[in-house]
Amino acid sequence: AGLNVTHQLEMSEVRDAVRSVSDSGEFLYRVSQGYMDCLRSCGDKGPGAIGCHDPCAVMVLLDSSLFQARRGCVVVEVKGEYTRGATIADFSGRLGEAQTDVLLKVDAPRFYKEFARLIAALPWKAPK
Protein backbone atom coordinates (compact mmCIF):
# COMPACT_ATOMS: atom_id res chain seq x y z
CA ALA A 1 0.00 0.00 0.00
CA GLY A 2 1.29 3.42 -0.91
CA LEU A 3 1.81 6.23 1.55
CA ASN A 4 -1.27 7.93 0.11
CA VAL A 5 -3.32 5.09 1.64
CA THR A 6 -1.34 4.14 4.75
CA HIS A 7 -1.50 7.74 5.99
CA GLN A 8 -5.29 7.76 5.72
CA LEU A 9 -5.19 5.69 8.90
CA GLU A 10 -3.92 6.71 12.32
CA MET A 11 -1.63 4.32 14.17
CA SER A 12 -3.03 5.64 17.44
CA GLU A 13 -6.53 4.65 16.29
CA VAL A 14 -5.35 1.15 15.39
CA ARG A 15 -3.72 0.83 18.80
CA ASP A 16 -6.82 2.08 20.61
CA ALA A 17 -9.05 -0.29 18.61
CA VAL A 18 -7.13 -3.39 19.70
CA ARG A 19 -6.04 -2.49 23.23
CA SER A 20 -8.93 -4.03 25.13
CA VAL A 21 -10.11 -6.76 22.73
CA SER A 22 -7.81 -9.53 23.97
CA ASP A 23 -4.39 -10.38 25.37
CA SER A 24 -3.08 -10.18 21.80
CA GLY A 25 -4.52 -6.69 21.44
CA GLU A 26 -2.99 -5.52 24.69
CA PHE A 27 0.38 -6.97 23.62
CA LEU A 28 0.18 -5.21 20.26
CA TYR A 29 -0.74 -1.96 22.01
CA ARG A 30 2.23 -2.19 24.37
CA VAL A 31 4.83 -3.36 21.86
CA SER A 32 3.93 -0.58 19.40
CA GLN A 33 4.50 2.18 21.97
CA GLY A 34 8.25 2.25 21.25
CA TYR A 35 7.53 2.63 17.54
CA MET A 36 5.19 5.55 18.25
CA ASP A 37 7.69 7.22 20.59
CA CYS A 38 10.52 6.87 18.07
CA LEU A 39 8.55 8.38 15.20
CA ARG A 40 7.24 11.22 17.34
CA SER A 41 10.79 12.04 18.48
CA CYS A 42 11.77 12.30 14.80
CA GLY A 43 9.08 14.92 14.22
CA ASP A 44 6.17 12.79 13.03
CA LYS A 45 3.28 14.61 14.67
CA GLY A 46 -0.28 15.47 13.77
CA PRO A 47 -3.09 13.64 11.97
CA GLY A 48 -1.88 10.90 9.64
CA ALA A 49 1.75 11.46 10.63
CA ILE A 50 2.29 7.87 11.73
CA GLY A 51 0.91 5.70 8.98
CA CYS A 52 -0.25 2.12 9.23
CA HIS A 53 2.02 0.51 6.67
CA ASP A 54 2.23 -3.10 7.87
CA PRO A 55 -1.42 -3.33 9.01
CA CYS A 56 -2.53 -2.11 5.55
CA ALA A 57 -0.38 -4.68 3.78
CA VAL A 58 -1.89 -7.49 5.84
CA MET A 59 -5.47 -6.25 5.72
CA VAL A 60 -5.60 -5.81 1.93
CA LEU A 61 -4.74 -9.51 1.67
CA LEU A 62 -7.36 -10.52 4.24
CA ASP A 63 -10.18 -8.19 3.15
CA SER A 64 -9.65 -6.18 -0.02
CA SER A 65 -13.20 -4.77 0.26
CA LEU A 66 -11.81 -2.33 2.86
CA PHE A 67 -9.93 -0.57 0.07
CA GLN A 68 -10.77 1.26 -3.13
CA ALA A 69 -8.39 0.35 -5.93
CA ARG A 70 -7.86 1.00 -9.60
CA ARG A 71 -6.03 -1.14 -12.14
CA GLY A 72 -2.87 0.54 -13.38
CA CYS A 73 0.73 0.24 -14.48
CA VAL A 74 3.27 0.85 -11.72
CA VAL A 75 6.86 1.67 -12.54
CA VAL A 76 9.84 2.82 -10.48
CA GLU A 77 11.55 6.05 -11.57
CA VAL A 78 15.25 5.32 -12.02
CA LYS A 79 16.54 8.33 -13.98
CA GLY A 80 15.18 11.33 -12.09
CA GLU A 81 17.53 13.58 -10.16
CA TYR A 82 14.85 14.27 -7.53
CA THR A 83 12.46 11.38 -7.99
CA ARG A 84 14.81 8.39 -8.25
CA GLY A 85 13.22 5.43 -6.51
CA ALA A 86 9.72 6.91 -6.55
CA THR A 87 6.91 4.68 -7.75
CA ILE A 88 4.68 6.05 -10.48
CA ALA A 89 1.13 4.79 -11.00
CA ASP A 90 -0.04 5.29 -14.58
CA PHE A 91 -3.74 4.85 -15.26
CA SER A 92 -3.63 6.12 -18.86
CA GLY A 93 -1.61 3.25 -20.36
CA ARG A 94 1.27 5.47 -21.54
CA LEU A 95 3.87 3.62 -19.46
CA GLY A 96 2.63 0.13 -20.22
CA GLU A 97 -0.17 -2.31 -19.67
CA ALA A 98 -2.00 -2.24 -16.33
CA GLN A 99 -0.50 -5.05 -14.26
CA THR A 100 -1.62 -4.37 -10.69
CA ASP A 101 -4.34 -2.96 -8.48
CA VAL A 102 -3.27 0.40 -7.07
CA LEU A 103 -4.85 1.23 -3.73
CA LEU A 104 -6.42 4.68 -3.61
CA LYS A 105 -8.52 4.85 -0.46
CA VAL A 106 -9.29 2.91 2.71
CA ASP A 107 -12.53 2.79 4.67
CA ALA A 108 -10.91 3.76 7.98
CA PRO A 109 -13.83 3.04 10.38
CA ARG A 110 -14.34 -0.43 8.87
CA PHE A 111 -10.58 -1.02 8.85
CA TYR A 112 -10.24 -0.31 12.60
CA LYS A 113 -13.25 -2.50 13.44
CA GLU A 114 -12.14 -5.44 11.27
CA PHE A 115 -8.52 -5.23 12.40
CA ALA A 116 -9.66 -5.34 16.04
CA ARG A 117 -11.97 -8.28 15.32
CA LEU A 118 -9.13 -10.26 13.75
CA ILE A 119 -6.70 -9.46 16.58
CA ALA A 120 -9.37 -10.50 19.12
CA ALA A 121 -9.70 -13.87 17.36
CA LEU A 122 -6.01 -14.74 17.82
CA PRO A 123 -5.63 -17.62 20.30
CA TRP A 124 -2.55 -16.21 22.08
CA LYS A 125 -2.82 -15.64 25.85
CA ALA A 126 -0.40 -13.58 27.90
CA PRO A 127 1.84 -15.64 30.21
CA LYS A 128 0.86 -15.44 33.87
C-alpha atoms as a PDB file:
ATOM      1  CA  ALA A   1       0.000   0.000   0.000  1.00  0.00           C
ATOM      2  CA  GLY A   2       1.295   3.420  -0.914  1.00  0.00           C
ATOM      3  CA  LEU A   3       1.806   6.230   1.551  1.00  0.00           C
ATOM      4  CA  ASN A   4      -1.274   7.934   0.111  1.00  0.00           C
ATOM      5  CA  VAL A   5      -3.321   5.090   1.639  1.00  0.00           C
ATOM      6  CA  THR A   6      -1.339   4.136   4.748  1.00  0.00           C
ATOM      7  CA  HIS A   7      -1.496   7.735   5.987  1.00  0.00           C
ATOM      8  CA  GLN A   8      -5.291   7.764   5.721  1.00  0.00           C
ATOM      9  CA  LEU A   9      -5.189   5.695   8.904  1.00  0.00           C
ATOM     10  CA  GLU A  10      -3.921   6.712  12.323  1.00  0.00           C
ATOM     11  CA  MET A  11      -1.632   4.317  14.170  1.00  0.00           C
ATOM     12  CA  SER A  12      -3.031   5.644  17.445  1.00  0.00           C
ATOM     13  CA  GLU A  13      -6.534   4.650  16.286  1.00  0.00           C
ATOM     14  CA  VAL A  14      -5.345   1.148  15.395  1.00  0.00           C
ATOM     15  CA  ARG A  15      -3.717   0.825  18.803  1.00  0.00           C
ATOM     16  CA  ASP A  16      -6.824   2.076  20.609  1.00  0.00           C
ATOM     17  CA  ALA A  17      -9.047  -0.291  18.614  1.00  0.00           C
ATOM     18  CA  VAL A  18      -7.126  -3.394  19.700  1.00  0.00           C
ATOM     19  CA  ARG A  19      -6.044  -2.493  23.229  1.00  0.00           C
ATOM     20  CA  SER A  20      -8.932  -4.033  25.127  1.00  0.00           C
ATOM     21  CA  VAL A  21     -10.111  -6.764  22.735  1.00  0.00           C
ATOM     22  CA  SER A  22      -7.812  -9.533  23.969  1.00  0.00           C
ATOM     23  CA  ASP A  23      -4.385 -10.384  25.369  1.00  0.00           C
ATOM     24  CA  SER A  24      -3.081 -10.177  21.798  1.00  0.00           C
ATOM     25  CA  GLY A  25      -4.521  -6.689  21.437  1.00  0.00           C
ATOM     26  CA  GLU A  26      -2.985  -5.519  24.693  1.00  0.00           C
ATOM     27  CA  PHE A  27       0.378  -6.974  23.625  1.00  0.00           C
ATOM     28  CA  LEU A  28       0.183  -5.209  20.255  1.00  0.00           C
ATOM     29  CA  TYR A  29      -0.736  -1.962  22.006  1.00  0.00           C
ATOM     30  CA  ARG A  30       2.231  -2.190  24.370  1.00  0.00           C
ATOM     31  CA  VAL A  31       4.833  -3.358  21.864  1.00  0.00           C
ATOM     32  CA  SER A  32       3.926  -0.579  19.403  1.00  0.00           C
ATOM     33  CA  GLN A  33       4.505   2.181  21.973  1.00  0.00           C
ATOM     34  CA  GLY A  34       8.255   2.248  21.254  1.00  0.00           C
ATOM     35  CA  TYR A  35       7.529   2.633  17.540  1.00  0.00           C
ATOM     36  CA  MET A  36       5.187   5.546  18.254  1.00  0.00           C
ATOM     37  CA  ASP A  37       7.690   7.217  20.588  1.00  0.00           C
ATOM     38  CA  CYS A  38      10.516   6.870  18.070  1.00  0.00           C
ATOM     39  CA  LEU A  39       8.550   8.378  15.201  1.00  0.00           C
ATOM     40  CA  ARG A  40       7.244  11.224  17.336  1.00  0.00           C
ATOM     41  CA  SER A  41      10.787  12.035  18.475  1.00  0.00           C
ATOM     42  CA  CYS A  42      11.770  12.304  14.796  1.00  0.00           C
ATOM     43  CA  GLY A  43       9.078  14.915  14.224  1.00  0.00           C
ATOM     44  CA  ASP A  44       6.166  12.785  13.029  1.00  0.00           C
ATOM     45  CA  LYS A  45       3.276  14.609  14.666  1.00  0.00           C
ATOM     46  CA  GLY A  46      -0.282  15.466  13.774  1.00  0.00           C
ATOM     47  CA  PRO A  47      -3.087  13.636  11.967  1.00  0.00           C
ATOM     48  CA  GLY A  48      -1.877  10.899   9.639  1.00  0.00           C
ATOM     49  CA  ALA A  49       1.754  11.459  10.626  1.00  0.00           C
ATOM     50  CA  ILE A  50       2.290   7.868  11.735  1.00  0.00           C
ATOM     51  CA  GLY A  51       0.909   5.704   8.976  1.00  0.00           C
ATOM     52  CA  CYS A  52      -0.246   2.118   9.225  1.00  0.00           C
ATOM     53  CA  HIS A  53       2.024   0.509   6.668  1.00  0.00           C
ATOM     54  CA  ASP A  54       2.229  -3.096   7.867  1.00  0.00           C
ATOM     55  CA  PRO A  55      -1.419  -3.330   9.011  1.00  0.00           C
ATOM     56  CA  CYS A  56      -2.530  -2.114   5.547  1.00  0.00           C
ATOM     57  CA  ALA A  57      -0.377  -4.683   3.777  1.00  0.00           C
ATOM     58  CA  VAL A  58      -1.892  -7.493   5.839  1.00  0.00           C
ATOM     59  CA  MET A  59      -5.469  -6.245   5.718  1.00  0.00           C
ATOM     60  CA  VAL A  60      -5.601  -5.814   1.932  1.00  0.00           C
ATOM     61  CA  LEU A  61      -4.742  -9.510   1.669  1.00  0.00           C
ATOM     62  CA  LEU A  62      -7.360 -10.522   4.235  1.00  0.00           C
ATOM     63  CA  ASP A  63     -10.185  -8.193   3.149  1.00  0.00           C
ATOM     64  CA  SER A  64      -9.651  -6.182  -0.020  1.00  0.00           C
ATOM     65  CA  SER A  65     -13.196  -4.768   0.265  1.00  0.00           C
ATOM     66  CA  LEU A  66     -11.809  -2.332   2.856  1.00  0.00           C
ATOM     67  CA  PHE A  67      -9.934  -0.574   0.067  1.00  0.00           C
ATOM     68  CA  GLN A  68     -10.770   1.257  -3.127  1.00  0.00           C
ATOM     69  CA  ALA A  69      -8.385   0.348  -5.927  1.00  0.00           C
ATOM     70  CA  ARG A  70      -7.858   0.999  -9.600  1.00  0.00           C
ATOM     71  CA  ARG A  71      -6.025  -1.140 -12.137  1.00  0.00           C
ATOM     72  CA  GLY A  72      -2.867   0.535 -13.382  1.00  0.00           C
ATOM     73  CA  CYS A  73       0.727   0.235 -14.477  1.00  0.00           C
ATOM     74  CA  VAL A  74       3.266   0.848 -11.716  1.00  0.00           C
ATOM     75  CA  VAL A  75       6.864   1.669 -12.539  1.00  0.00           C
ATOM     76  CA  VAL A  76       9.837   2.822 -10.484  1.00  0.00           C
ATOM     77  CA  GLU A  77      11.548   6.052 -11.571  1.00  0.00           C
ATOM     78  CA  VAL A  78      15.252   5.316 -12.019  1.00  0.00           C
ATOM     79  CA  LYS A  79      16.544   8.331 -13.979  1.00  0.00           C
ATOM     80  CA  GLY A  80      15.183  11.328 -12.086  1.00  0.00           C
ATOM     81  CA  GLU A  81      17.527  13.579 -10.158  1.00  0.00           C
ATOM     82  CA  TYR A  82      14.849  14.275  -7.527  1.00  0.00           C
ATOM     83  CA  THR A  83      12.462  11.382  -7.991  1.00  0.00           C
ATOM     84  CA  ARG A  84      14.812   8.389  -8.253  1.00  0.00           C
ATOM     85  CA  GLY A  85      13.222   5.427  -6.506  1.00  0.00           C
ATOM     86  CA  ALA A  86       9.716   6.911  -6.549  1.00  0.00           C
ATOM     87  CA  THR A  87       6.907   4.684  -7.747  1.00  0.00           C
ATOM     88  CA  ILE A  88       4.679   6.051 -10.483  1.00  0.00           C
ATOM     89  CA  ALA A  89       1.133   4.793 -10.996  1.00  0.00           C
ATOM     90  CA  ASP A  90      -0.040   5.287 -14.578  1.00  0.00           C
ATOM     91  CA  PHE A  91      -3.738   4.846 -15.260  1.00  0.00           C
ATOM     92  CA  SER A  92      -3.628   6.121 -18.862  1.00  0.00           C
ATOM     93  CA  GLY A  93      -1.612   3.251 -20.362  1.00  0.00           C
ATOM     94  CA  ARG A  94       1.266   5.469 -21.535  1.00  0.00           C
ATOM     95  CA  LEU A  95       3.865   3.617 -19.464  1.00  0.00           C
ATOM     96  CA  GLY A  96       2.628   0.132 -20.218  1.00  0.00           C
ATOM     97  CA  GLU A  97      -0.171  -2.308 -19.665  1.00  0.00           C
ATOM     98  CA  ALA A  98      -2.001  -2.237 -16.328  1.00  0.00           C
ATOM     99  CA  GLN A  99      -0.502  -5.051 -14.258  1.00  0.00           C
ATOM    100  CA  THR A 100      -1.623  -4.366 -10.688  1.00  0.00           C
ATOM    101  CA  ASP A 101      -4.337  -2.962  -8.477  1.00  0.00           C
ATOM    102  CA  VAL A 102      -3.267   0.400  -7.074  1.00  0.00           C
ATOM    103  CA  LEU A 103      -4.854   1.228  -3.734  1.00  0.00           C
ATOM    104  CA  LEU A 104      -6.419   4.684  -3.611  1.00  0.00           C
ATOM    105  CA  LYS A 105      -8.520   4.848  -0.458  1.00  0.00           C
ATOM    106  CA  VAL A 106      -9.286   2.910   2.708  1.00  0.00           C
ATOM    107  CA  ASP A 107     -12.530   2.788   4.674  1.00  0.00           C
ATOM    108  CA  ALA A 108     -10.914   3.763   7.984  1.00  0.00           C
ATOM    109  CA  PRO A 109     -13.833   3.039  10.381  1.00  0.00           C
ATOM    110  CA  ARG A 110     -14.337  -0.433   8.872  1.00  0.00           C
ATOM    111  CA  PHE A 111     -10.579  -1.021   8.854  1.00  0.00           C
ATOM    112  CA  TYR A 112     -10.243  -0.314  12.598  1.00  0.00           C
ATOM    113  CA  LYS A 113     -13.249  -2.499  13.435  1.00  0.00           C
ATOM    114  CA  GLU A 114     -12.143  -5.441  11.270  1.00  0.00           C
ATOM    115  CA  PHE A 115      -8.516  -5.234  12.399  1.00  0.00           C
ATOM    116  CA  ALA A 116      -9.657  -5.336  16.045  1.00  0.00           C
ATOM    117  CA  ARG A 117     -11.969  -8.283  15.315  1.00  0.00           C
ATOM    118  CA  LEU A 118      -9.127 -10.261  13.753  1.00  0.00           C
ATOM    119  CA  ILE A 119      -6.697  -9.458  16.577  1.00  0.00           C
ATOM    120  CA  ALA A 120      -9.372 -10.503  19.121  1.00  0.00           C
ATOM    121  CA  ALA A 121      -9.698 -13.869  17.356  1.00  0.00           C
ATOM    122  CA  LEU A 122      -6.012 -14.736  17.822  1.00  0.00           C
ATOM    123  CA  PRO A 123      -5.631 -17.618  20.296  1.00  0.00           C
ATOM    124  CA  TRP A 124      -2.550 -16.212  22.085  1.00  0.00           C
ATOM    125  CA  LYS A 125      -2.816 -15.638  25.853  1.00  0.00           C
ATOM    126  CA  ALA A 126      -0.402 -13.580  27.901  1.00  0.00           C
ATOM    127  CA  PRO A 127       1.836 -15.644  30.209  1.00  0.00           C
ATOM    128  CA  LYS A 128       0.859 -15.437  33.865  1.00  0.00           C
END
